[in-house]
Each structure stands twice: as C-alpha cells, then as structure tokens.
Amino acid sequence: MTIEIFIDILLLFMLLLTALFIQRMKNLFSAVILTGIFSLLSASLFLTMDAVDVSFTEASVGAGIATLLFLGTLAQTSSTESRPQRLPVMALVVVSLTGLMLIYGISDIPSFGDPGNPVQTYLSPRFIEVSPREIGIPNMVTSVLASYRGYDTLGEVTVIFTACVGVLLMLGRGRKRS
C-alpha cells in the first residue's frame, strides 16, 4: 500500500469519526466547530486527489464562511439542541429514498481513471490542443479555470454573496431599534 492510499484511508476514517461525533453532539457550538473540522478534512482529501480548486473552495466556503455563519446564528439563538415534539418519520422516508436513488445512480458511473470515461475523451483533448491558441495562456489549468470556468466561478461567488446577505438580513431582522 502506497503512502497516498494510506493518507486517503486515514482521512476517510477521520471524516467518519468526525461525522459520528457531530451526530452525537448536544451542544451546538461543539457541533459547529466539528463541522468546520469536517470541512477541513474534506478539503485535505480533495487535495490528496489532486482537486486543488475543489479543495480551495471547500476550505474557504465550508470551513470558513459556513462556520462563521453558523457561529453568527448561534450567537442569536440557543446553544443547546431542543428535542423534537415527535419522531420525523416522513423525513426518514425521504432521506432513505434519496439515498437509495443515489446508490442506484452510482452503478452507472464509469470506473475512476477509466480512459474510456466521457470526461477523458470529450473535453480533455480539446483543452490540451486548443486552449493555448484560443485563450493565449500557456498554462492549461489556468486557462480552464480563468476562461472556460469563468462564468461558473462568477456564479459561485454570486451564490455565496447572496447567501451572506440573506443570512445577515435574517439575523438583523430580530433586533429592536432604540
């Protein structure tokens, strides 16, 4: 077993442990902190799989912005979990059906690293051959992120900004003006 596989397995084990601890927490402040740790572990796992852009996004949004928004919400509410009035059976049914559909959907995904995978045969050759001439940037990764995924990045920034403004408006709504 190579060191990379060992690190991936260790990170997955730590993610599982963190998820179990989050689920068992009664103190919401501890759960928020563990959620931030979960996001950092996820970002580390993405980094070991050479998905640097996804890792950066997970670290900044998941561990950074989301944790700050959760902590801001906790400052306005109680830090302990309240017990539900009744068992949410319908929610369990919906989550179970969604999980079963996702498991069924996984059966149609090509194997990881398969050279016949449509991702490997459709866009990758075009990016390799055309992007230096089309964009004028010699680094292929930079040309893909800065040009081809520019609208995607703009959309992500817009969603994050809109979410921040919405949360700030919701948190500010309950304050009384003097």
N, C-alpha and C. Protein backbone atom coordinates (compact mmCIF):
# COMPACT_ATOMS: atom_id res chain seq x y z
N MET A 1 0.85 -1.18 0.00
CA MET A 1 0.00 0.00 0.00
C MET A 1 0.90 1.24 0.00
N THR A 2 0.61 2.15 -0.92
CA THR A 2 1.43 3.37 -1.01
C THR A 2 1.02 4.36 0.08
N ILE A 3 1.88 5.35 0.28
CA ILE A 3 1.63 6.36 1.32
C ILE A 3 0.40 7.20 0.98
N GLU A 4 0.14 7.44 -0.32
CA GLU A 4 -1.02 8.23 -0.71
C GLU A 4 -2.32 7.52 -0.34
N ILE A 5 -2.37 6.22 -0.59
CA ILE A 5 -3.56 5.45 -0.25
C ILE A 5 -3.74 5.41 1.27
N PHE A 6 -2.64 5.26 1.99
CA PHE A 6 -2.72 5.25 3.45
C PHE A 6 -3.27 6.58 3.97
N ILE A 7 -2.81 7.70 3.41
CA ILE A 7 -3.29 9.02 3.84
C ILE A 7 -4.77 9.18 3.50
N ASP A 8 -5.19 8.72 2.31
CA ASP A 8 -6.61 8.80 1.94
C ASP A 8 -7.47 7.99 2.89
N ILE A 9 -7.05 6.80 3.23
CA ILE A 9 -7.81 5.95 4.16
C ILE A 9 -7.86 6.60 5.54
N LEU A 10 -6.75 7.16 5.99
CA LEU A 10 -6.71 7.85 7.28
C LEU A 10 -7.66 9.05 7.29
N LEU A 11 -7.66 9.83 6.22
CA LEU A 11 -8.56 10.98 6.13
C LEU A 11 -10.03 10.55 6.10
N LEU A 12 -10.33 9.49 5.36
CA LEU A 12 -11.70 8.98 5.33
C LEU A 12 -12.14 8.49 6.70
N PHE A 13 -11.24 7.81 7.42
CA PHE A 13 -11.56 7.35 8.77
C PHE A 13 -11.81 8.54 9.70
N MET A 14 -10.98 9.58 9.58
CA MET A 14 -11.16 10.78 10.41
C MET A 14 -12.47 11.49 10.05
N LEU A 15 -12.84 11.50 8.76
CA LEU A 15 -14.12 12.07 8.35
C LEU A 15 -15.29 11.30 8.97
N LEU A 16 -15.20 9.99 8.95
CA LEU A 16 -16.25 9.16 9.55
C LEU A 16 -16.38 9.42 11.04
N LEU A 17 -15.25 9.46 11.74
CA LEU A 17 -15.28 9.74 13.18
C LEU A 17 -15.87 11.12 13.47
N THR A 18 -15.46 12.11 12.70
CA THR A 18 -15.96 13.46 12.90
C THR A 18 -17.47 13.52 12.65
N ALA A 19 -17.94 12.84 11.61
CA ALA A 19 -19.38 12.82 11.33
C ALA A 19 -20.15 12.16 12.47
N LEU A 20 -19.60 11.08 13.01
CA LEU A 20 -20.27 10.42 14.14
C LEU A 20 -20.31 11.32 15.37
N PHE A 21 -19.22 12.04 15.63
CA PHE A 21 -19.20 12.96 16.76
C PHE A 21 -20.18 14.11 16.56
N ILE A 22 -20.28 14.62 15.33
CA ILE A 22 -21.23 15.71 15.05
C ILE A 22 -22.64 15.23 15.32
N GLN A 23 -22.94 14.03 14.89
CA GLN A 23 -24.29 13.48 15.06
C GLN A 23 -24.64 13.29 16.53
N ARG A 24 -23.67 12.99 17.37
CA ARG A 24 -23.92 12.72 18.78
C ARG A 24 -23.90 13.97 19.67
N MET A 25 -23.44 15.11 19.14
CA MET A 25 -23.29 16.33 19.94
C MET A 25 -24.65 16.91 20.34
N LYS A 26 -24.77 17.32 21.58
CA LYS A 26 -25.95 18.03 22.05
C LYS A 26 -25.68 19.53 22.12
N ASN A 27 -24.42 19.89 22.31
CA ASN A 27 -24.03 21.30 22.34
C ASN A 27 -23.79 21.75 20.91
N LEU A 28 -24.56 22.74 20.46
CA LEU A 28 -24.49 23.17 19.07
C LEU A 28 -23.18 23.87 18.73
N PHE A 29 -22.58 24.56 19.70
CA PHE A 29 -21.28 25.20 19.45
C PHE A 29 -20.23 24.15 19.10
N SER A 30 -20.21 23.05 19.84
CA SER A 30 -19.27 21.97 19.54
C SER A 30 -19.55 21.35 18.17
N ALA A 31 -20.83 21.22 17.84
CA ALA A 31 -21.19 20.66 16.54
C ALA A 31 -20.73 21.57 15.41
N VAL A 32 -20.84 22.89 15.59
CA VAL A 32 -20.39 23.83 14.56
C VAL A 32 -18.88 23.74 14.37
N ILE A 33 -18.14 23.68 15.47
CA ILE A 33 -16.68 23.57 15.38
C ILE A 33 -16.29 22.26 14.70
N LEU A 34 -16.96 21.17 15.05
CA LEU A 34 -16.67 19.90 14.40
C LEU A 34 -17.05 19.92 12.92
N THR A 35 -18.08 20.67 12.57
CA THR A 35 -18.45 20.80 11.15
C THR A 35 -17.34 21.51 10.38
N GLY A 36 -16.74 22.53 10.98
CA GLY A 36 -15.60 23.20 10.35
C GLY A 36 -14.42 22.26 10.18
N ILE A 37 -14.18 21.43 11.19
CA ILE A 37 -13.10 20.44 11.10
C ILE A 37 -13.41 19.42 10.00
N PHE A 38 -14.67 19.02 9.89
CA PHE A 38 -15.08 18.09 8.83
C PHE A 38 -14.78 18.70 7.46
N SER A 39 -15.08 19.99 7.29
CA SER A 39 -14.81 20.65 6.01
C SER A 39 -13.32 20.71 5.71
N LEU A 40 -12.51 20.98 6.73
CA LEU A 40 -11.06 21.00 6.51
C LEU A 40 -10.52 19.61 6.16
N LEU A 41 -11.06 18.58 6.80
CA LEU A 41 -10.65 17.21 6.45
C LEU A 41 -11.08 16.88 5.02
N SER A 42 -12.28 17.32 4.62
CA SER A 42 -12.74 17.10 3.24
C SER A 42 -11.83 17.82 2.26
N ALA A 43 -11.45 19.06 2.60
CA ALA A 43 -10.55 19.81 1.73
C ALA A 43 -9.21 19.10 1.60
N SER A 44 -8.72 18.53 2.69
CA SER A 44 -7.46 17.79 2.65
C SER A 44 -7.58 16.55 1.76
N LEU A 45 -8.72 15.87 1.84
CA LEU A 45 -8.94 14.69 1.00
C LEU A 45 -9.00 15.10 -0.48
N PHE A 46 -9.68 16.19 -0.79
CA PHE A 46 -9.72 16.68 -2.17
C PHE A 46 -8.32 17.03 -2.66
N LEU A 47 -7.51 17.59 -1.76
CA LEU A 47 -6.15 17.96 -2.13
C LEU A 47 -5.31 16.74 -2.46
N THR A 48 -5.48 15.65 -1.69
CA THR A 48 -4.71 14.44 -1.98
C THR A 48 -5.15 13.79 -3.29
N MET A 49 -6.38 14.10 -3.73
CA MET A 49 -6.86 13.56 -5.01
C MET A 49 -6.60 14.52 -6.16
N ASP A 50 -5.73 15.52 -5.95
CA ASP A 50 -5.32 16.49 -6.97
C ASP A 50 -6.46 17.35 -7.48
N ALA A 51 -7.45 17.61 -6.63
CA ALA A 51 -8.54 18.53 -6.98
C ALA A 51 -8.34 19.81 -6.17
N VAL A 52 -7.31 20.57 -6.56
CA VAL A 52 -6.90 21.74 -5.78
C VAL A 52 -7.98 22.80 -5.76
N ASP A 53 -8.65 23.04 -6.89
CA ASP A 53 -9.69 24.07 -6.91
C ASP A 53 -10.87 23.70 -6.03
N VAL A 54 -11.26 22.42 -6.04
CA VAL A 54 -12.35 21.97 -5.18
C VAL A 54 -11.92 22.05 -3.71
N SER A 55 -10.68 21.70 -3.44
CA SER A 55 -10.15 21.77 -2.08
C SER A 55 -10.17 23.20 -1.57
N PHE A 56 -9.73 24.13 -2.40
CA PHE A 56 -9.72 25.54 -2.00
C PHE A 56 -11.13 26.05 -1.73
N THR A 57 -12.07 25.68 -2.59
CA THR A 57 -13.45 26.10 -2.40
C THR A 57 -14.03 25.51 -1.12
N GLU A 58 -13.77 24.24 -0.87
CA GLU A 58 -14.29 23.60 0.35
C GLU A 58 -13.70 24.24 1.60
N ALA A 59 -12.41 24.55 1.56
CA ALA A 59 -11.78 25.16 2.73
C ALA A 59 -12.33 26.56 2.98
N SER A 60 -12.49 27.34 1.93
CA SER A 60 -12.93 28.71 2.13
C SER A 60 -14.43 28.80 2.43
N VAL A 61 -15.24 28.03 1.72
CA VAL A 61 -16.68 28.10 1.93
C VAL A 61 -17.12 27.22 3.09
N GLY A 62 -16.71 25.95 3.08
CA GLY A 62 -17.16 25.02 4.12
C GLY A 62 -16.59 25.32 5.49
N ALA A 63 -15.28 25.47 5.56
CA ALA A 63 -14.65 25.70 6.86
C ALA A 63 -14.65 27.17 7.25
N GLY A 64 -14.65 28.06 6.26
CA GLY A 64 -14.57 29.47 6.56
C GLY A 64 -15.92 30.14 6.70
N ILE A 65 -16.56 30.39 5.56
CA ILE A 65 -17.79 31.17 5.56
C ILE A 65 -18.93 30.45 6.29
N ALA A 66 -19.11 29.16 6.02
CA ALA A 66 -20.22 28.44 6.65
C ALA A 66 -20.06 28.40 8.17
N THR A 67 -18.83 28.19 8.64
CA THR A 67 -18.60 28.16 10.08
C THR A 67 -18.90 29.53 10.70
N LEU A 68 -18.47 30.59 10.04
CA LEU A 68 -18.77 31.94 10.55
C LEU A 68 -20.27 32.21 10.57
N LEU A 69 -20.98 31.78 9.53
CA LEU A 69 -22.43 31.98 9.51
C LEU A 69 -23.12 31.17 10.60
N PHE A 70 -22.67 29.95 10.81
CA PHE A 70 -23.23 29.13 11.89
C PHE A 70 -22.97 29.76 13.25
N LEU A 71 -21.75 30.25 13.46
CA LEU A 71 -21.42 30.88 14.74
C LEU A 71 -22.23 32.16 14.93
N GLY A 72 -22.43 32.93 13.85
CA GLY A 72 -23.27 34.12 13.95
C GLY A 72 -24.71 33.79 14.28
N THR A 73 -25.21 32.72 13.71
CA THR A 73 -26.57 32.28 14.02
C THR A 73 -26.67 31.80 15.46
N LEU A 74 -25.64 31.07 15.91
CA LEU A 74 -25.63 30.60 17.30
C LEU A 74 -25.59 31.74 18.30
N ALA A 75 -24.95 32.83 17.92
CA ALA A 75 -24.90 33.99 18.82
C ALA A 75 -26.29 34.59 19.01
N GLN A 76 -27.18 34.39 18.06
CA GLN A 76 -28.54 34.93 18.14
C GLN A 76 -29.55 33.93 18.70
N THR A 77 -29.15 32.68 18.84
CA THR A 77 -30.08 31.64 19.30
C THR A 77 -29.49 30.91 20.49
N SER A 78 -30.10 29.80 20.84
CA SER A 78 -29.63 28.97 21.95
C SER A 78 -28.49 28.06 21.48
N SER A 79 -27.63 27.70 22.40
CA SER A 79 -26.51 26.83 22.03
C SER A 79 -26.76 25.36 22.35
N THR A 80 -27.97 25.04 22.77
CA THR A 80 -28.31 23.64 23.04
C THR A 80 -29.43 23.21 22.11
N GLU A 81 -29.40 21.94 21.76
CA GLU A 81 -30.38 21.38 20.85
C GLU A 81 -31.70 21.16 21.58
N SER A 82 -32.81 21.51 20.94
CA SER A 82 -34.11 21.24 21.53
C SER A 82 -34.63 19.91 21.00
N ARG A 83 -35.36 19.21 21.82
CA ARG A 83 -35.90 17.91 21.43
C ARG A 83 -37.10 18.09 20.51
N PRO A 84 -37.20 17.26 19.44
CA PRO A 84 -38.37 17.36 18.57
C PRO A 84 -39.63 16.88 19.30
N GLN A 85 -40.77 17.45 18.90
CA GLN A 85 -42.04 17.08 19.53
C GLN A 85 -42.42 15.63 19.21
N ARG A 86 -42.13 15.22 17.98
CA ARG A 86 -42.45 13.84 17.56
C ARG A 86 -41.36 13.35 16.63
N LEU A 87 -41.33 12.07 16.41
CA LEU A 87 -40.33 11.46 15.54
C LEU A 87 -40.62 11.81 14.08
N PRO A 88 -39.67 12.41 13.36
CA PRO A 88 -39.93 12.81 11.97
C PRO A 88 -39.83 11.63 11.00
N VAL A 89 -40.88 10.83 10.93
CA VAL A 89 -40.89 9.62 10.10
C VAL A 89 -40.84 9.97 8.62
N MET A 90 -41.56 11.01 8.21
CA MET A 90 -41.59 11.38 6.79
C MET A 90 -40.19 11.80 6.32
N ALA A 91 -39.47 12.52 7.18
CA ALA A 91 -38.11 12.92 6.81
C ALA A 91 -37.22 11.70 6.63
N LEU A 92 -37.37 10.70 7.49
CA LEU A 92 -36.59 9.47 7.38
C LEU A 92 -36.91 8.75 6.07
N VAL A 93 -38.18 8.72 5.68
CA VAL A 93 -38.58 8.07 4.43
C VAL A 93 -37.97 8.80 3.23
N VAL A 94 -38.03 10.14 3.22
CA VAL A 94 -37.49 10.92 2.11
C VAL A 94 -35.98 10.74 2.00
N VAL A 95 -35.28 10.79 3.13
CA VAL A 95 -33.83 10.63 3.12
C VAL A 95 -33.46 9.22 2.67
N SER A 96 -34.19 8.21 3.12
CA SER A 96 -33.90 6.83 2.71
C SER A 96 -34.12 6.63 1.22
N LEU A 97 -35.21 7.16 0.68
CA LEU A 97 -35.46 7.03 -0.75
C LEU A 97 -34.41 7.77 -1.57
N THR A 98 -34.03 8.96 -1.11
CA THR A 98 -32.98 9.71 -1.81
C THR A 98 -31.67 8.94 -1.79
N GLY A 99 -31.32 8.36 -0.65
CA GLY A 99 -30.10 7.56 -0.56
C GLY A 99 -30.12 6.36 -1.48
N LEU A 100 -31.26 5.68 -1.56
CA LEU A 100 -31.38 4.54 -2.46
C LEU A 100 -31.24 4.95 -3.92
N MET A 101 -31.82 6.10 -4.29
CA MET A 101 -31.68 6.58 -5.66
C MET A 101 -30.23 6.96 -5.97
N LEU A 102 -29.54 7.54 -5.00
CA LEU A 102 -28.13 7.87 -5.21
C LEU A 102 -27.27 6.62 -5.36
N ILE A 103 -27.55 5.62 -4.56
CA ILE A 103 -26.81 4.36 -4.66
C ILE A 103 -27.07 3.71 -6.02
N TYR A 104 -28.32 3.77 -6.49
CA TYR A 104 -28.63 3.24 -7.82
C TYR A 104 -27.89 4.04 -8.90
N GLY A 105 -27.81 5.35 -8.74
CA GLY A 105 -27.14 6.20 -9.72
C GLY A 105 -25.65 5.93 -9.80
N ILE A 106 -25.05 5.51 -8.71
CA ILE A 106 -23.61 5.21 -8.70
C ILE A 106 -23.29 4.04 -9.63
N SER A 107 -24.23 3.12 -9.81
CA SER A 107 -23.96 1.95 -10.65
C SER A 107 -23.70 2.32 -12.10
N ASP A 108 -24.13 3.51 -12.52
CA ASP A 108 -23.97 3.93 -13.91
C ASP A 108 -22.70 4.75 -14.14
N ILE A 109 -21.99 5.08 -13.07
CA ILE A 109 -20.79 5.91 -13.20
C ILE A 109 -19.62 5.04 -13.66
N PRO A 110 -18.82 5.51 -14.63
CA PRO A 110 -17.65 4.74 -15.05
C PRO A 110 -16.63 4.63 -13.93
N SER A 111 -15.76 3.67 -14.03
CA SER A 111 -14.72 3.46 -13.02
C SER A 111 -13.79 4.66 -12.96
N PHE A 112 -13.23 4.90 -11.77
CA PHE A 112 -12.30 6.01 -11.57
C PHE A 112 -11.03 5.75 -12.38
N GLY A 113 -10.64 6.72 -13.21
CA GLY A 113 -9.43 6.59 -14.01
C GLY A 113 -9.62 5.83 -15.31
N ASP A 114 -10.84 5.45 -15.64
CA ASP A 114 -11.12 4.71 -16.87
C ASP A 114 -10.82 5.60 -18.08
N PRO A 115 -9.92 5.17 -18.99
CA PRO A 115 -9.60 6.02 -20.15
C PRO A 115 -10.78 6.18 -21.11
N GLY A 116 -11.75 5.31 -21.05
CA GLY A 116 -12.94 5.42 -21.89
C GLY A 116 -14.02 6.30 -21.29
N ASN A 117 -13.75 6.87 -20.13
CA ASN A 117 -14.69 7.75 -19.46
C ASN A 117 -14.97 8.97 -20.35
N PRO A 118 -16.24 9.37 -20.52
CA PRO A 118 -16.53 10.53 -21.37
C PRO A 118 -15.78 11.80 -20.98
N VAL A 119 -15.48 11.97 -19.71
CA VAL A 119 -14.72 13.14 -19.28
C VAL A 119 -13.33 13.13 -19.91
N GLN A 120 -12.74 11.95 -20.06
CA GLN A 120 -11.40 11.84 -20.61
C GLN A 120 -11.38 11.94 -22.14
N THR A 121 -12.49 11.62 -22.80
CA THR A 121 -12.48 11.57 -24.26
C THR A 121 -13.15 12.76 -24.91
N TYR A 122 -13.93 13.52 -24.18
CA TYR A 122 -14.72 14.58 -24.81
C TYR A 122 -14.02 15.94 -24.73
N LEU A 123 -13.80 16.46 -23.52
CA LEU A 123 -13.27 17.81 -23.39
C LEU A 123 -11.76 17.88 -23.20
N SER A 124 -11.18 16.90 -22.55
CA SER A 124 -9.74 16.97 -22.25
C SER A 124 -8.88 17.15 -23.49
N PRO A 125 -9.07 16.37 -24.55
CA PRO A 125 -8.23 16.59 -25.74
C PRO A 125 -8.40 17.99 -26.33
N ARG A 126 -9.62 18.51 -26.29
CA ARG A 126 -9.85 19.86 -26.81
C ARG A 126 -9.11 20.89 -25.98
N PHE A 127 -9.16 20.77 -24.66
CA PHE A 127 -8.44 21.71 -23.80
C PHE A 127 -6.94 21.65 -24.05
N ILE A 128 -6.42 20.45 -24.22
CA ILE A 128 -4.97 20.29 -24.42
C ILE A 128 -4.54 20.88 -25.76
N GLU A 129 -5.32 20.64 -26.80
CA GLU A 129 -4.92 21.07 -28.13
C GLU A 129 -5.25 22.54 -28.44
N VAL A 130 -6.41 23.01 -28.01
CA VAL A 130 -6.91 24.31 -28.47
C VAL A 130 -6.70 25.43 -27.46
N SER A 131 -6.66 25.12 -26.17
CA SER A 131 -6.67 26.19 -25.18
C SER A 131 -5.48 27.15 -25.26
N PRO A 132 -4.24 26.72 -25.56
CA PRO A 132 -3.17 27.73 -25.66
C PRO A 132 -3.40 28.75 -26.78
N ARG A 133 -3.94 28.30 -27.91
CA ARG A 133 -4.22 29.23 -29.02
C ARG A 133 -5.47 30.05 -28.76
N GLU A 134 -6.51 29.40 -28.24
CA GLU A 134 -7.80 30.06 -28.07
C GLU A 134 -7.78 31.11 -26.96
N ILE A 135 -7.12 30.81 -25.87
CA ILE A 135 -7.11 31.70 -24.72
C ILE A 135 -5.86 32.57 -24.70
N GLY A 136 -4.75 32.03 -25.16
CA GLY A 136 -3.50 32.77 -25.14
C GLY A 136 -2.73 32.62 -23.84
N ILE A 137 -3.13 31.67 -23.01
CA ILE A 137 -2.42 31.41 -21.75
C ILE A 137 -1.74 30.06 -21.90
N PRO A 138 -0.41 29.99 -21.72
CA PRO A 138 0.28 28.71 -21.95
C PRO A 138 -0.05 27.64 -20.91
N ASN A 139 -0.42 28.01 -19.70
CA ASN A 139 -0.75 27.04 -18.66
C ASN A 139 -2.19 26.59 -18.85
N MET A 140 -2.39 25.28 -19.11
CA MET A 140 -3.70 24.77 -19.41
C MET A 140 -4.65 24.87 -18.22
N VAL A 141 -4.17 24.61 -17.01
CA VAL A 141 -5.04 24.67 -15.82
C VAL A 141 -5.54 26.10 -15.61
N THR A 142 -4.64 27.07 -15.75
CA THR A 142 -5.04 28.47 -15.59
C THR A 142 -6.04 28.87 -16.66
N SER A 143 -5.85 28.42 -17.88
CA SER A 143 -6.79 28.80 -18.95
C SER A 143 -8.17 28.20 -18.70
N VAL A 144 -8.22 26.97 -18.19
CA VAL A 144 -9.52 26.35 -17.92
C VAL A 144 -10.22 27.08 -16.77
N LEU A 145 -9.49 27.34 -15.67
CA LEU A 145 -10.11 27.98 -14.52
C LEU A 145 -10.47 29.43 -14.79
N ALA A 146 -9.62 30.16 -15.48
CA ALA A 146 -9.84 31.59 -15.68
C ALA A 146 -10.78 31.89 -16.83
N SER A 147 -10.83 31.03 -17.84
CA SER A 147 -11.64 31.36 -19.00
C SER A 147 -12.85 30.45 -19.15
N TYR A 148 -12.62 29.16 -19.30
CA TYR A 148 -13.72 28.25 -19.55
C TYR A 148 -14.66 28.15 -18.35
N ARG A 149 -14.10 28.24 -17.13
CA ARG A 149 -14.93 28.15 -15.93
C ARG A 149 -15.15 29.51 -15.30
N GLY A 150 -14.93 30.58 -16.04
CA GLY A 150 -15.10 31.92 -15.50
C GLY A 150 -16.53 32.21 -15.07
N TYR A 151 -17.50 31.82 -15.90
CA TYR A 151 -18.90 32.03 -15.53
C TYR A 151 -19.29 31.16 -14.34
N ASP A 152 -18.75 29.97 -14.28
CA ASP A 152 -19.01 29.09 -13.15
C ASP A 152 -18.51 29.72 -11.86
N THR A 153 -17.29 30.26 -11.91
CA THR A 153 -16.73 30.91 -10.73
C THR A 153 -17.53 32.15 -10.36
N LEU A 154 -17.93 32.92 -11.34
CA LEU A 154 -18.76 34.10 -11.08
C LEU A 154 -20.09 33.67 -10.44
N GLY A 155 -20.67 32.59 -10.91
CA GLY A 155 -21.91 32.08 -10.32
C GLY A 155 -21.72 31.65 -8.88
N GLU A 156 -20.60 30.98 -8.58
CA GLU A 156 -20.33 30.56 -7.20
C GLU A 156 -20.19 31.76 -6.28
N VAL A 157 -19.47 32.78 -6.75
CA VAL A 157 -19.30 33.99 -5.95
C VAL A 157 -20.64 34.67 -5.72
N THR A 158 -21.48 34.70 -6.73
CA THR A 158 -22.81 35.32 -6.59
C THR A 158 -23.66 34.57 -5.58
N VAL A 159 -23.63 33.25 -5.62
CA VAL A 159 -24.40 32.45 -4.67
C VAL A 159 -23.91 32.69 -3.24
N ILE A 160 -22.60 32.71 -3.05
CA ILE A 160 -22.06 32.93 -1.70
C ILE A 160 -22.43 34.32 -1.20
N PHE A 161 -22.30 35.33 -2.06
CA PHE A 161 -22.65 36.69 -1.67
C PHE A 161 -24.13 36.80 -1.31
N THR A 162 -24.99 36.20 -2.13
CA THR A 162 -26.43 36.25 -1.88
C THR A 162 -26.76 35.53 -0.57
N ALA A 163 -26.12 34.40 -0.31
CA ALA A 163 -26.36 33.69 0.94
C ALA A 163 -25.92 34.52 2.14
N CYS A 164 -24.77 35.16 2.04
CA CYS A 164 -24.29 36.01 3.14
C CYS A 164 -25.24 37.16 3.41
N VAL A 165 -25.69 37.83 2.35
CA VAL A 165 -26.63 38.94 2.52
C VAL A 165 -27.94 38.44 3.13
N GLY A 166 -28.43 37.30 2.67
CA GLY A 166 -29.67 36.74 3.22
C GLY A 166 -29.55 36.40 4.69
N VAL A 167 -28.44 35.80 5.08
CA VAL A 167 -28.25 35.46 6.50
C VAL A 167 -28.12 36.72 7.34
N LEU A 168 -27.37 37.70 6.84
CA LEU A 168 -27.24 38.96 7.59
C LEU A 168 -28.59 39.66 7.73
N LEU A 169 -29.40 39.63 6.69
CA LEU A 169 -30.73 40.23 6.79
C LEU A 169 -31.61 39.47 7.79
N MET A 170 -31.52 38.14 7.78
CA MET A 170 -32.31 37.36 8.73
C MET A 170 -31.84 37.59 10.15
N LEU A 171 -30.56 37.67 10.39
CA LEU A 171 -30.05 37.90 11.74
C LEU A 171 -30.38 39.31 12.22
N GLY A 172 -30.39 40.27 11.33
CA GLY A 172 -30.67 41.64 11.72
C GLY A 172 -32.15 41.94 11.89
N ARG A 173 -33.02 41.06 11.42
CA ARG A 173 -34.46 41.29 11.47
C ARG A 173 -34.99 41.29 12.91
N GLY A 174 -34.43 40.47 13.79
CA GLY A 174 -34.94 40.33 15.14
C GLY A 174 -34.48 41.42 16.10
N ARG A 175 -33.58 42.25 15.70
CA ARG A 175 -33.07 43.29 16.60
C ARG A 175 -34.07 44.43 16.71
N LYS A 176 -34.18 44.94 17.91
CA LYS A 176 -35.07 46.09 18.15
C LYS A 176 -34.26 47.35 18.03
N ARG A 177 -34.83 48.32 17.37
CA ARG A 177 -34.15 49.61 17.21
C ARG A 177 -34.49 50.50 18.40
N SER A 178 -33.47 51.19 18.88
CA SER A 178 -33.71 52.07 20.03
C SER A 178 -33.78 53.53 19.61
